C-alpha atoms as a PDB file:
ATOM      1  CA  THR A   1    -125.187 -86.096 -28.377  1.00  0.00           C
ATOM      2  CA  ASN A   2    -123.139 -83.607 -26.349  1.00  0.00           C
ATOM      3  CA  THR A   3    -126.276 -81.505 -25.894  1.00  0.00           C
ATOM      4  CA  VAL A   4    -128.199 -84.533 -24.639  1.00  0.00           C
ATOM      5  CA  ILE A   5    -125.392 -85.410 -22.218  1.00  0.00           C
ATOM      6  CA  THR A   6    -125.163 -81.852 -20.902  1.00  0.00           C
ATOM      7  CA  GLU A   7    -128.907 -81.592 -20.319  1.00  0.00           C
ATOM      8  CA  LEU A   8    -128.996 -84.968 -18.591  1.00  0.00           C
ATOM      9  CA  LEU A   9    -126.134 -84.047 -16.276  1.00  0.00           C
ATOM     10  CA  LYS A  10    -127.779 -80.721 -15.437  1.00  0.00           C
ATOM     11  CA  ARG A  11    -130.862 -82.636 -14.332  1.00  0.00           C
ATOM     12  CA  LYS A  12    -129.004 -85.215 -12.275  1.00  0.00           C
ATOM     13  CA  ILE A  13    -126.130 -83.313 -10.623  1.00  0.00           C
ATOM     14  CA  LEU A  14    -127.457 -81.602  -7.510  1.00  0.00           C
ATOM     15  CA  ASP A  15    -124.459 -79.342  -6.899  1.00  0.00           C
ATOM     16  CA  LYS A  16    -125.440 -76.333  -9.008  1.00  0.00           C
ATOM     17  CA  ASP A  17    -122.136 -74.600  -8.186  1.00  0.00           C
ATOM     18  CA  LEU A  18    -120.359 -77.199 -10.351  1.00  0.00           C
ATOM     19  CA  PRO A  19    -120.303 -76.027 -13.985  1.00  0.00           C
ATOM     20  CA  ILE A  20    -121.218 -79.043 -16.115  1.00  0.00           C
ATOM     21  CA  ASP A  21    -118.910 -77.951 -18.947  1.00  0.00           C
ATOM     22  CA  ASP A  22    -115.937 -77.823 -16.567  1.00  0.00           C
ATOM     23  CA  ILE A  23    -116.135 -81.541 -15.775  1.00  0.00           C
ATOM     24  CA  VAL A  24    -113.456 -83.553 -17.575  1.00  0.00           C
ATOM     25  CA  GLU A  25    -114.736 -85.994 -20.201  1.00  0.00           C
ATOM     26  CA  GLU A  26    -113.679 -89.082 -18.231  1.00  0.00           C
ATOM     27  CA  ASP A  27    -115.650 -87.979 -15.155  1.00  0.00           C
ATOM     28  CA  ARG A  28    -118.692 -87.300 -17.341  1.00  0.00           C
ATOM     29  CA  GLN A  29    -118.466 -90.839 -18.705  1.00  0.00           C
ATOM     30  CA  ALA A  30    -118.207 -92.329 -15.210  1.00  0.00           C
ATOM     31  CA  ILE A  31    -121.250 -90.337 -14.034  1.00  0.00           C
ATOM     32  CA  LEU A  32    -123.294 -91.410 -17.067  1.00  0.00           C
ATOM     33  CA  VAL A  33    -122.472 -95.089 -16.589  1.00  0.00           C
ATOM     34  CA  PHE A  34    -123.337 -94.809 -12.878  1.00  0.00           C
ATOM     35  CA  LEU A  35    -126.657 -93.096 -13.624  1.00  0.00           C
ATOM     36  CA  ARG A  36    -127.637 -95.697 -16.201  1.00  0.00           C
ATOM     37  CA  ASN A  37    -126.617 -98.640 -14.012  1.00  0.00           C
ATOM     38  CA  THR A  38    -128.478 -97.402 -10.940  1.00  0.00           C
ATOM     39  CA  ALA A  39    -131.619 -96.360 -12.828  1.00  0.00           C
ATOM     40  CA  PHE A  40    -132.018 -99.155 -15.376  1.00  0.00           C
ATOM     41  CA  GLY A  41    -129.638-101.963 -14.421  1.00  0.00           C
ATOM     42  CA  THR A  42    -126.255-102.912 -15.817  1.00  0.00           C
ATOM     43  CA  GLU A  43    -127.330-104.935 -18.874  1.00  0.00           C
ATOM     44  CA  TYR A  44    -126.652-103.166 -22.169  1.00  0.00           C
ATOM     45  CA  ASN A  45    -127.575-104.552 -25.593  1.00  0.00           C
ATOM     46  CA  LEU A  46    -125.218-104.047 -28.511  1.00  0.00           C
ATOM     47  CA  THR A  47    -125.575-104.769 -32.220  1.00  0.00           C
ATOM     48  CA  ILE A  48    -122.195-105.641 -33.724  1.00  0.00           C
ATOM     49  CA  THR A  49    -120.943-106.726 -37.131  1.00  0.00           C
ATOM     50  CA  ASP A  50    -118.902-109.926 -37.341  1.00  0.00           C
ATOM     51  CA  ASP A  51    -115.989-108.945 -39.595  1.00  0.00           C
ATOM     52  CA  LYS A  52    -115.466-112.527 -40.773  1.00  0.00           C
ATOM     53  CA  THR A  53    -119.032-113.016 -42.020  1.00  0.00           C
ATOM     54  CA  ASN A  54    -120.066-109.357 -42.399  1.00  0.00           C
ATOM     55  CA  GLU A  55    -123.295-110.241 -40.575  1.00  0.00           C
ATOM     56  CA  THR A  56    -124.688-108.369 -37.575  1.00  0.00           C
ATOM     57  CA  PHE A  57    -125.433-110.033 -34.236  1.00  0.00           C
ATOM     58  CA  ASN A  58    -126.778-108.929 -30.865  1.00  0.00           C
ATOM     59  CA  VAL A  59    -124.981-109.311 -27.584  1.00  0.00           C
ATOM     60  CA  THR A  60    -125.678-108.211 -24.012  1.00  0.00           C
ATOM     61  CA  VAL A  61    -122.814-106.833 -21.946  1.00  0.00           C
ATOM     62  CA  ASP A  62    -122.665-105.991 -18.258  1.00  0.00           C
ATOM     63  CA  LEU A  63    -121.795-102.328 -17.681  1.00  0.00           C
ATOM     64  CA  GLY A  64    -121.167-103.202 -14.042  1.00  0.00           C
ATOM     65  CA  GLU A  65    -118.058-105.075 -15.179  1.00  0.00           C
ATOM     66  CA  LEU A  66    -116.390-101.951 -16.588  1.00  0.00           C
ATOM     67  CA  LYS A  67    -113.129-101.235 -14.797  1.00  0.00           C
ATOM     68  CA  ILE A  68    -111.614 -97.966 -13.654  1.00  0.00           C
ATOM     69  CA  LYS A  69    -108.265 -97.286 -15.327  1.00  0.00           C
ATOM     70  CA  ASP A  70    -105.240 -97.282 -13.046  1.00  0.00           C
ATOM     71  CA  PHE A  71    -104.487 -93.710 -12.026  1.00  0.00           C
ATOM     72  CA  ASN A  72    -101.411 -92.996  -9.936  1.00  0.00           C
ATOM     73  CA  LEU A  73    -100.795 -89.293 -10.492  1.00  0.00           C
ATOM     74  CA  GLU A  74    -100.875 -87.048  -7.431  1.00  0.00           C
ATOM     75  CA  GLU A  75    -102.280 -83.542  -7.705  1.00  0.00           C
ATOM     76  CA  ASP A  76    -100.924 -80.535  -5.834  1.00  0.00           C
ATOM     77  CA  THR A  77    -102.958 -78.082  -3.761  1.00  0.00           C
ATOM     78  CA  ASN A  78    -104.108 -76.387  -6.989  1.00  0.00           C
ATOM     79  CA  GLY A  79    -105.433 -79.631  -8.445  1.00  0.00           C
ATOM     80  CA  GLU A  80    -102.536 -79.715 -10.928  1.00  0.00           C
ATOM     81  CA  TYR A  81    -100.130 -82.502 -11.909  1.00  0.00           C
ATOM     82  CA  SER A  82     -96.378 -82.299 -12.442  1.00  0.00           C
ATOM     83  CA  TYR A  83     -94.416 -83.232 -15.547  1.00  0.00           C
ATOM     84  CA  PHE A  84     -90.775 -82.760 -16.557  1.00  0.00           C
ATOM     85  CA  LEU A  85     -90.008 -81.808 -20.174  1.00  0.00           C
ATOM     86  CA  GLU A  86     -86.710 -83.532 -20.881  1.00  0.00           C
ATOM     87  CA  LYS A  87     -85.662 -81.648 -24.019  1.00  0.00           C
ATOM     88  CA  SER A  88     -86.328 -78.252 -22.419  1.00  0.00           C
ATOM     89  CA  GLU A  89     -85.233 -79.475 -18.973  1.00  0.00           C
ATOM     90  CA  THR A  90     -88.289 -77.684 -17.586  1.00  0.00           C
ATOM     91  CA  ASP A  91     -90.826 -78.534 -14.896  1.00  0.00           C
ATOM     92  CA  ILE A  92     -94.465 -77.797 -15.714  1.00  0.00           C
ATOM     93  CA  THR A  93     -97.817 -78.417 -14.084  1.00  0.00           C
ATOM     94  CA  PHE A  94    -100.956 -79.309 -16.000  1.00  0.00           C
ATOM     95  CA  LYS A  95    -104.634 -80.216 -15.810  1.00  0.00           C
ATOM     96  CA  PHE A  96    -106.624 -82.517 -18.053  1.00  0.00           C
ATOM     97  CA  LEU A  97    -108.964 -80.939 -20.609  1.00  0.00           C
ATOM     98  CA  THR A  98    -112.521 -80.159 -19.568  1.00  0.00           C
ATOM     99  CA  GLN A  99    -115.543 -80.764 -21.806  1.00  0.00           C
ATOM    100  CA  ARG A 100    -115.787 -77.034 -22.537  1.00  0.00           C
ATOM    101  CA  GLN A 101    -112.154 -76.990 -23.694  1.00  0.00           C
ATOM    102  CA  GLU A 102    -112.640 -80.141 -25.787  1.00  0.00           C
ATOM    103  CA  GLU A 103    -115.571 -78.475 -27.527  1.00  0.00           C
ATOM    104  CA  GLU A 104    -113.539 -75.323 -28.219  1.00  0.00           C
ATOM    105  CA  ILE A 105    -110.813 -77.436 -29.817  1.00  0.00           C
ATOM    106  CA  THR A 106    -113.419 -79.221 -31.930  1.00  0.00           C
ATOM    107  CA  LYS A 107    -114.713 -75.861 -33.157  1.00  0.00           C
ATOM    108  CA  ILE A 108    -111.175 -74.833 -34.129  1.00  0.00           C
ATOM    109  CA  ARG A 109    -110.729 -78.083 -36.051  1.00  0.00           C
ATOM    110  CA  GLU A 110    -114.045 -77.663 -37.870  1.00  0.00           C
ATOM    111  CA  SER A 111    -113.478 -74.000 -38.771  1.00  0.00           C
ATOM    112  CA  TRP A 112    -109.886 -74.440 -39.980  1.00  0.00           C
ATOM    113  CA  ASN A 113    -109.635 -73.491 -43.659  1.00  0.00           C
ATOM    114  CA  GLY A 114    -106.794 -75.886 -44.409  1.00  0.00           C
ATOM    115  CA  ASN A 115    -104.104 -73.233 -44.826  1.00  0.00           C
ATOM    116  CA  GLY A 116    -100.927 -73.746 -42.840  1.00  0.00           C
ATOM    117  CA  VAL A 117    -100.950 -75.811 -39.663  1.00  0.00           C
ATOM    118  CA  ALA A 118    -104.161 -75.988 -37.643  1.00  0.00           C
ATOM    119  CA  PRO A 119    -103.473 -74.542 -34.159  1.00  0.00           C
ATOM    120  CA  ILE A 120    -105.125 -77.508 -32.458  1.00  0.00           C
ATOM    121  CA  ILE A 121    -102.090 -78.849 -30.599  1.00  0.00           C
ATOM    122  CA  THR A 122    -101.044 -75.369 -29.513  1.00  0.00           C
ATOM    123  CA  LYS A 123    -104.523 -74.705 -28.124  1.00  0.00           C
ATOM    124  CA  GLN A 124    -104.533 -78.062 -26.321  1.00  0.00           C
ATOM    125  CA  LEU A 125    -101.226 -77.209 -24.663  1.00  0.00           C
ATOM    126  CA  GLU A 126    -102.442 -73.721 -23.731  1.00  0.00           C
ATOM    127  CA  PHE A 127    -105.479 -75.230 -22.039  1.00  0.00           C
ATOM    128  CA  MET A 128    -103.545 -77.946 -20.193  1.00  0.00           C
ATOM    129  CA  ILE A 129    -100.296 -76.300 -19.062  1.00  0.00           C
ATOM    130  CA  LYS A 130    -100.907 -74.221 -15.948  1.00  0.00           C
ATOM    131  CA  SER A 131     -97.366 -73.279 -14.920  1.00  0.00           C
ATOM    132  CA  VAL A 132     -93.813 -73.320 -16.278  1.00  0.00           C
ATOM    133  CA  LYS A 133     -91.003 -73.376 -13.706  1.00  0.00           C
ATOM    134  CA  GLY A 134     -93.567 -72.184 -11.186  1.00  0.00           C
ATOM    135  CA  ILE A 135     -94.616 -69.227 -13.356  1.00  0.00           C
ATOM    136  CA  LYS A 136     -98.371 -68.998 -13.942  1.00  0.00           C
ATOM    137  CA  ASP A 137     -98.507 -65.894 -16.138  1.00  0.00           C
ATOM    138  CA  PRO A 138    -100.617 -66.863 -19.217  1.00  0.00           C
ATOM    139  CA  LEU A 139     -98.544 -64.753 -21.637  1.00  0.00           C
ATOM    140  CA  GLN A 140     -95.279 -66.310 -20.511  1.00  0.00           C
ATOM    141  CA  ILE A 141     -96.797 -69.786 -20.730  1.00  0.00           C
ATOM    142  CA  LYS A 142     -98.114 -69.019 -24.226  1.00  0.00           C
ATOM    143  CA  ASN A 143     -94.660 -67.846 -25.336  1.00  0.00           C
ATOM    144  CA  PHE A 144     -93.081 -70.969 -23.847  1.00  0.00           C
ATOM    145  CA  ILE A 145     -95.529 -73.206 -25.721  1.00  0.00           C
ATOM    146  CA  GLU A 146     -94.893 -71.434 -29.020  1.00  0.00           C
ATOM    147  CA  ASN A 147     -91.187 -72.250 -28.685  1.00  0.00           C
ATOM    148  CA  LEU A 148     -91.635 -75.747 -27.276  1.00  0.00           C
ATOM    149  CA  PRO A 149     -89.486 -78.397 -29.020  1.00  0.00           C
ATOM    150  CA  ILE A 150     -91.516 -80.933 -30.997  1.00  0.00           C
ATOM    151  CA  ALA A 151     -90.005 -83.773 -28.949  1.00  0.00           C
ATOM    152  CA  ASP A 152     -91.311 -82.247 -25.715  1.00  0.00           C
ATOM    153  CA  SER A 153     -94.749 -81.606 -27.205  1.00  0.00           C
ATOM    154  CA  HIS A 154     -94.980 -85.187 -28.442  1.00  0.00           C
ATOM    155  CA  SER A 155     -93.755 -86.808 -25.208  1.00  0.00           C
ATOM    156  CA  PHE A 156     -96.072 -84.674 -23.059  1.00  0.00           C
ATOM    157  CA  ARG A 157     -99.150 -85.460 -25.156  1.00  0.00           C
ATOM    158  CA  LYS A 158     -98.227 -89.150 -25.121  1.00  0.00           C
ATOM    159  CA  TYR A 159     -97.955 -88.954 -21.331  1.00  0.00           C
ATOM    160  CA  ILE A 160    -101.410 -87.353 -21.143  1.00  0.00           C
ATOM    161  CA  THR A 161    -102.932 -90.113 -23.303  1.00  0.00           C
ATOM    162  CA  GLU A 162    -101.343 -92.859 -21.199  1.00  0.00           C
ATOM    163  CA  HIS A 163    -102.318 -91.359 -17.843  1.00  0.00           C
ATOM    164  CA  LYS A 164    -105.814 -89.957 -18.437  1.00  0.00           C
ATOM    165  CA  PRO A 165    -108.175 -91.110 -15.704  1.00  0.00           C
ATOM    166  CA  GLY A 166    -111.513 -92.705 -16.438  1.00  0.00           C
ATOM    167  CA  ILE A 167    -113.324 -95.932 -17.190  1.00  0.00           C
ATOM    168  CA  ASP A 168    -111.988 -98.582 -19.537  1.00  0.00           C
ATOM    169  CA  LEU A 169    -114.917 -98.641 -21.979  1.00  0.00           C
ATOM    170  CA  PHE A 170    -113.719-101.694 -23.917  1.00  0.00           C
ATOM    171  CA  VAL A 171    -115.422-105.040 -23.261  1.00  0.00           C
ATOM    172  CA  PRO A 172    -114.594-108.494 -24.672  1.00  0.00           C
ATOM    173  CA  VAL A 173    -117.211-109.999 -26.992  1.00  0.00           C
ATOM    174  CA  THR A 174    -117.176-113.372 -28.756  1.00  0.00           C
ATOM    175  CA  THR A 175    -118.523-113.254 -32.315  1.00  0.00           C
ATOM    176  CA  PRO A 176    -120.646-116.045 -33.888  1.00  0.00           C
ATOM    177  CA  SER A 177    -117.573-117.058 -35.891  1.00  0.00           C
ATOM    178  CA  GLY A 178    -115.721-117.691 -32.619  1.00  0.00           C
ATOM    179  CA  GLU A 179    -113.391-114.707 -32.582  1.00  0.00           C
ATOM    180  CA  GLU A 180    -112.997-112.659 -29.396  1.00  0.00           C
ATOM    181  CA  ILE A 181    -112.949-108.933 -30.074  1.00  0.00           C
ATOM    182  CA  GLN A 182    -112.815-105.774 -27.992  1.00  0.00           C
ATOM    183  CA  VAL A 183    -115.847-103.518 -28.368  1.00  0.00           C
ATOM    184  CA  GLU A 184    -115.982 -99.950 -27.119  1.00  0.00           C
ATOM    185  CA  ILE A 185    -119.085 -98.809 -25.256  1.00  0.00           C
ATOM    186  CA  GLY A 186    -120.318 -95.639 -26.945  1.00  0.00           C
ATOM    187  CA  PHE A 187    -122.596 -92.900 -25.683  1.00  0.00           C
ATOM    188  CA  GLY A 188    -125.020 -92.827 -28.571  1.00  0.00           C
ATOM    189  CA  VAL A 189    -128.798 -93.114 -28.915  1.00  0.00           C
ATOM    190  CA  GLU A 190    -128.989 -96.660 -27.512  1.00  0.00           C
ATOM    191  CA  PHE A 191    -127.155 -95.672 -24.342  1.00  0.00           C
ATOM    192  CA  PHE A 192    -129.560 -92.816 -23.625  1.00  0.00           C
ATOM    193  CA  ARG A 193    -132.755 -94.494 -24.835  1.00  0.00           C
ATOM    194  CA  PRO A 194    -133.937 -95.526 -21.318  1.00  0.00           C
ATOM    195  CA  PHE A 195    -133.550 -91.971 -19.991  1.00  0.00           C
ATOM    196  CA  TYR A 196    -135.867 -90.550 -22.616  1.00  0.00           C
ATOM    197  CA  ALA A 197    -138.037 -93.586 -23.342  1.00  0.00           C
ATOM    198  CA  ILE A 198    -137.040 -93.465 -27.025  1.00  0.00           C
END
């Protein structure tokens, strides 16, 4: 699916100086929803399983009703955001992961042989943290990350999860049994079917 998304974005984004793989995942999602809504309308058909009856049912949702998540962080002149690590008493700046970085992390996860601790979190931090106490030297940042207290690592990653920009992809759906559930809009075959007439 990532290949399909990348090829579609290459076709639709006119600014060729913007590397598609350097767009953050949340922006990619917003662009895809916009493209689908403007080209084919906002109605989107879903097939869902009612957990109470274990039977499938169809429902139509309005993609135009999707809301943008609240985002109150302010970036500096470098496009970076500030965060204070309480345990280390250290100021850092960071950026959110791009699609290219997400894919690199996925490759690390898939190639890990199971010995020791997979370096996934360390790699995530290396990608995101852009300065430590104003220092931007990659080797110094890498050394800082390797000695980062677990409490700081956890709180920072929690902060990232809570403040990531993007669209809220969950929509309320009422099942035939009368229960209201939250369904996440996915970017699978059905989403892209109109683009490729499949």
